[in-house]
Amino acid sequence: MRKILLIVLACFFPFLAVLIAEGPSIRVLWAFLLQLLGHVPGVIYGIYRVLRD
């Protein structure tokens, strides 16, 4: 259930989903920068980071 909610959050705010899933790290910054470049790359990266174990 937690992953499903994180995936939904990643569709709107990828950097927040990565922050919740992994904690503060450089990956959160990557997700934020990708979202600034275009929403779709940020969403793809956010979902990838959330689904990765």
C-alpha atoms as a PDB file:
ATOM      1  CA  MET A   1       0.000   0.000   0.000  1.00  0.00           C
ATOM      2  CA  ARG A   2       2.894   2.354   0.808  1.00  0.00           C
ATOM      3  CA  LYS A   3       4.462   1.923  -2.631  1.00  0.00           C
ATOM      4  CA  ILE A   4       1.171   2.648  -4.366  1.00  0.00           C
ATOM      5  CA  LEU A   5       0.827   5.927  -2.481  1.00  0.00           C
ATOM      6  CA  LEU A   6       4.431   6.826  -3.276  1.00  0.00           C
ATOM      7  CA  ILE A   7       3.835   6.131  -6.982  1.00  0.00           C
ATOM      8  CA  VAL A   8       0.793   8.414  -6.970  1.00  0.00           C
ATOM      9  CA  LEU A   9       2.829  11.095  -5.185  1.00  0.00           C
ATOM     10  CA  ALA A  10       5.647  10.640  -7.708  1.00  0.00           C
ATOM     11  CA  CYS A  11       3.227  11.486 -10.518  1.00  0.00           C
ATOM     12  CA  PHE A  12       2.717  14.967  -9.062  1.00  0.00           C
ATOM     13  CA  PHE A  13       5.794  15.681  -6.903  1.00  0.00           C
ATOM     14  CA  PRO A  14       8.610  13.262  -7.768  1.00  0.00           C
ATOM     15  CA  PHE A  15      11.173  14.838  -5.449  1.00  0.00           C
ATOM     16  CA  LEU A  16       8.853  14.421  -2.443  1.00  0.00           C
ATOM     17  CA  ALA A  17       8.270  10.763  -3.247  1.00  0.00           C
ATOM     18  CA  VAL A  18      12.023  10.160  -3.507  1.00  0.00           C
ATOM     19  CA  LEU A  19      12.576  12.052  -0.251  1.00  0.00           C
ATOM     20  CA  ILE A  20      10.013   9.934   1.597  1.00  0.00           C
ATOM     21  CA  ALA A  21      11.247   6.673   0.061  1.00  0.00           C
ATOM     22  CA  GLU A  22      14.999   7.183   0.521  1.00  0.00           C
ATOM     23  CA  GLY A  23      15.505  10.081   2.902  1.00  0.00           C
ATOM     24  CA  PRO A  24      17.612  13.144   2.186  1.00  0.00           C
ATOM     25  CA  SER A  25      20.211  12.393  -0.462  1.00  0.00           C
ATOM     26  CA  ILE A  26      21.589  13.617  -3.760  1.00  0.00           C
ATOM     27  CA  ARG A  27      18.849  11.618  -5.522  1.00  0.00           C
ATOM     28  CA  VAL A  28      16.236  14.059  -4.232  1.00  0.00           C
ATOM     29  CA  LEU A  29      18.151  16.881  -5.889  1.00  0.00           C
ATOM     30  CA  TRP A  30      18.309  14.905  -9.145  1.00  0.00           C
ATOM     31  CA  ALA A  31      14.543  14.355  -9.031  1.00  0.00           C
ATOM     32  CA  PHE A  32      13.975  18.068  -8.410  1.00  0.00           C
ATOM     33  CA  LEU A  33      16.264  19.129 -11.243  1.00  0.00           C
ATOM     34  CA  LEU A  34      14.700  16.664 -13.661  1.00  0.00           C
ATOM     35  CA  GLN A  35      11.271  17.974 -12.768  1.00  0.00           C
ATOM     36  CA  LEU A  36      12.440  21.513 -13.486  1.00  0.00           C
ATOM     37  CA  LEU A  37      13.736  20.447 -16.901  1.00  0.00           C
ATOM     38  CA  GLY A  38      10.435  18.821 -17.731  1.00  0.00           C
ATOM     39  CA  HIS A  39       7.769  17.216 -15.648  1.00  0.00           C
ATOM     40  CA  VAL A  40       7.865  13.865 -17.456  1.00  0.00           C
ATOM     41  CA  PRO A  41      11.582  13.101 -16.844  1.00  0.00           C
ATOM     42  CA  GLY A  42      11.091  13.920 -13.174  1.00  0.00           C
ATOM     43  CA  VAL A  43       8.102  11.604 -12.928  1.00  0.00           C
ATOM     44  CA  ILE A  44       9.924   8.762 -14.661  1.00  0.00           C
ATOM     45  CA  TYR A  45      12.934   9.128 -12.366  1.00  0.00           C
ATOM     46  CA  GLY A  46      10.715   9.430  -9.285  1.00  0.00           C
ATOM     47  CA  ILE A  47       8.776   6.274 -10.096  1.00  0.00           C
ATOM     48  CA  TYR A  48      12.021   4.447 -10.896  1.00  0.00           C
ATOM     49  CA  ARG A  49      13.550   5.401  -7.523  1.00  0.00           C
ATOM     50  CA  VAL A  50      10.381   4.490  -5.598  1.00  0.00           C
ATOM     51  CA  LEU A  51      10.043   1.069  -7.242  1.00  0.00           C
ATOM     52  CA  ARG A  52      13.702   0.201  -6.891  1.00  0.00           C
ATOM     53  CA  ASP A  53      14.447  -1.899  -3.807  1.00  0.00           C
END
